[in-house]
Amino acid sequence: MQFLVESKFTQALTDEMIALIPAETARGKELDAIGSRLALYLAADLSAAWQIYQAESLAAVQEMIDSFPLTRFVGATITPLQSAAT
């Protein structure tokens, strides 16, 4: 099943958050490599991100989102997707 994850920072960027960006990027690439994250889109002003995940359940997606280093600074909404193809 596919899921849309919309993410937004819950506070202004700090030095601590900026220092975590390389690890955040690396974790995303790991999920890309195993086929769990299918797409990543960033707002032009970097205020939000939209990601498409492939997983067995909403709980599995939440576990992946929680594995990101910046997760404690980000609010995320997970929406199950249904194919529009008929």
C-alpha atoms as a PDB file:
ATOM      1  CA  MET A   1       0.000   0.000   0.000  1.00  0.00           C
ATOM      2  CA  GLN A   2       1.186   3.541  -0.670  1.00  0.00           C
ATOM      3  CA  PHE A   3       1.084   6.454   1.748  1.00  0.00           C
ATOM      4  CA  LEU A   4       1.573  10.198   1.404  1.00  0.00           C
ATOM      5  CA  VAL A   5       3.543  11.792   4.245  1.00  0.00           C
ATOM      6  CA  GLU A   6       3.346  15.566   4.588  1.00  0.00           C
ATOM      7  CA  SER A   7       6.029  16.986   6.900  1.00  0.00           C
ATOM      8  CA  LYS A   8       6.595  20.449   8.325  1.00  0.00           C
ATOM      9  CA  PHE A   9       9.054  21.750  10.896  1.00  0.00           C
ATOM     10  CA  THR A  10       7.431  22.547  14.234  1.00  0.00           C
ATOM     11  CA  GLN A  11       9.967  25.262  15.041  1.00  0.00           C
ATOM     12  CA  ALA A  12      12.542  27.526  13.405  1.00  0.00           C
ATOM     13  CA  LEU A  13      15.786  25.867  12.355  1.00  0.00           C
ATOM     14  CA  THR A  14      18.485  25.698  15.021  1.00  0.00           C
ATOM     15  CA  ASP A  15      22.169  24.806  14.805  1.00  0.00           C
ATOM     16  CA  GLU A  16      21.306  21.392  16.281  1.00  0.00           C
ATOM     17  CA  MET A  17      18.778  20.764  13.522  1.00  0.00           C
ATOM     18  CA  ILE A  18      21.147  21.915  10.785  1.00  0.00           C
ATOM     19  CA  ALA A  19      23.815  19.551  12.123  1.00  0.00           C
ATOM     20  CA  LEU A  20      21.372  16.630  11.713  1.00  0.00           C
ATOM     21  CA  ILE A  21      20.642  17.312   8.019  1.00  0.00           C
ATOM     22  CA  PRO A  22      23.409  15.024   6.629  1.00  0.00           C
ATOM     23  CA  ALA A  23      22.139  12.112   8.744  1.00  0.00           C
ATOM     24  CA  GLU A  24      18.556  12.939   7.701  1.00  0.00           C
ATOM     25  CA  THR A  25      19.574  12.818   4.036  1.00  0.00           C
ATOM     26  CA  ALA A  26      21.454   9.547   4.545  1.00  0.00           C
ATOM     27  CA  ARG A  27      18.424   7.912   6.206  1.00  0.00           C
ATOM     28  CA  GLY A  28      16.206   8.987   3.311  1.00  0.00           C
ATOM     29  CA  LYS A  29      18.646   7.477   0.822  1.00  0.00           C
ATOM     30  CA  GLU A  30      18.593   4.189   2.767  1.00  0.00           C
ATOM     31  CA  LEU A  31      14.801   4.065   2.506  1.00  0.00           C
ATOM     32  CA  ASP A  32      15.006   4.960  -1.202  1.00  0.00           C
ATOM     33  CA  ALA A  33      17.508   2.150  -1.814  1.00  0.00           C
ATOM     34  CA  ILE A  34      15.268  -0.532  -0.275  1.00  0.00           C
ATOM     35  CA  GLY A  35      12.196   0.737  -2.142  1.00  0.00           C
ATOM     36  CA  SER A  36      10.301   1.993   0.908  1.00  0.00           C
ATOM     37  CA  ARG A  37      10.347   5.659  -0.072  1.00  0.00           C
ATOM     38  CA  LEU A  38       9.221   6.113  -3.648  1.00  0.00           C
ATOM     39  CA  ALA A  39       9.359   9.906  -3.978  1.00  0.00           C
ATOM     40  CA  LEU A  40      10.352  13.091  -2.158  1.00  0.00           C
ATOM     41  CA  TYR A  41       9.117  16.580  -3.019  1.00  0.00           C
ATOM     42  CA  LEU A  42      10.179  19.767  -1.234  1.00  0.00           C
ATOM     43  CA  ALA A  43       8.368  23.087  -1.146  1.00  0.00           C
ATOM     44  CA  ALA A  44      10.350  25.754  -2.992  1.00  0.00           C
ATOM     45  CA  ASP A  45      10.832  27.659   0.272  1.00  0.00           C
ATOM     46  CA  LEU A  46      11.757  24.405   2.115  1.00  0.00           C
ATOM     47  CA  SER A  47       8.844  24.906   4.516  1.00  0.00           C
ATOM     48  CA  ALA A  48       7.330  21.473   3.827  1.00  0.00           C
ATOM     49  CA  ALA A  49       8.055  18.095   2.295  1.00  0.00           C
ATOM     50  CA  TRP A  50       5.844  15.456   0.702  1.00  0.00           C
ATOM     51  CA  GLN A  51       6.986  11.864   0.474  1.00  0.00           C
ATOM     52  CA  ILE A  52       5.422   8.727  -0.979  1.00  0.00           C
ATOM     53  CA  TYR A  53       6.075   5.493   0.916  1.00  0.00           C
ATOM     54  CA  GLN A  54       5.356   1.857   0.104  1.00  0.00           C
ATOM     55  CA  ALA A  55       4.553  -0.188   3.225  1.00  0.00           C
ATOM     56  CA  GLU A  56       2.279  -2.890   4.603  1.00  0.00           C
ATOM     57  CA  SER A  57       0.609  -0.610   7.154  1.00  0.00           C
ATOM     58  CA  LEU A  58       0.310   2.888   8.534  1.00  0.00           C
ATOM     59  CA  ALA A  59       2.256   1.679  11.594  1.00  0.00           C
ATOM     60  CA  ALA A  60       5.141   0.604   9.352  1.00  0.00           C
ATOM     61  CA  VAL A  61       5.256   4.049   7.736  1.00  0.00           C
ATOM     62  CA  GLN A  62       5.163   5.708  11.155  1.00  0.00           C
ATOM     63  CA  GLU A  63       8.114   3.563  12.221  1.00  0.00           C
ATOM     64  CA  MET A  64      10.073   4.709   9.161  1.00  0.00           C
ATOM     65  CA  ILE A  65       9.218   8.367   9.806  1.00  0.00           C
ATOM     66  CA  ASP A  66      10.270   7.981  13.438  1.00  0.00           C
ATOM     67  CA  SER A  67      13.662   6.644  12.297  1.00  0.00           C
ATOM     68  CA  PHE A  68      14.686  10.021  10.837  1.00  0.00           C
ATOM     69  CA  PRO A  69      17.096  12.080  12.986  1.00  0.00           C
ATOM     70  CA  LEU A  70      14.966  15.247  12.699  1.00  0.00           C
ATOM     71  CA  THR A  71      11.688  13.552  13.593  1.00  0.00           C
ATOM     72  CA  ARG A  72      11.391  15.273  16.992  1.00  0.00           C
ATOM     73  CA  PHE A  73      11.380  18.640  15.195  1.00  0.00           C
ATOM     74  CA  VAL A  74       8.847  17.692  12.517  1.00  0.00           C
ATOM     75  CA  GLY A  75       5.093  17.265  12.456  1.00  0.00           C
ATOM     76  CA  ALA A  76       3.959  14.638   9.965  1.00  0.00           C
ATOM     77  CA  THR A  77       0.574  13.676   8.557  1.00  0.00           C
ATOM     78  CA  ILE A  78       0.267  10.231   6.982  1.00  0.00           C
ATOM     79  CA  THR A  79      -2.487   9.615   4.432  1.00  0.00           C
ATOM     80  CA  PRO A  80      -3.182   6.206   2.859  1.00  0.00           C
ATOM     81  CA  LEU A  81      -3.443   6.447  -0.924  1.00  0.00           C
ATOM     82  CA  GLN A  82      -5.674   4.646  -3.372  1.00  0.00           C
ATOM     83  CA  SER A  83      -4.894   4.324  -7.051  1.00  0.00           C
ATOM     84  CA  ALA A  84      -7.057   6.510  -9.281  1.00  0.00           C
ATOM     85  CA  ALA A  85      -6.782   3.962 -12.096  1.00  0.00           C
ATOM     86  CA  THR A  86     -10.000   2.072 -12.758  1.00  0.00           C
END
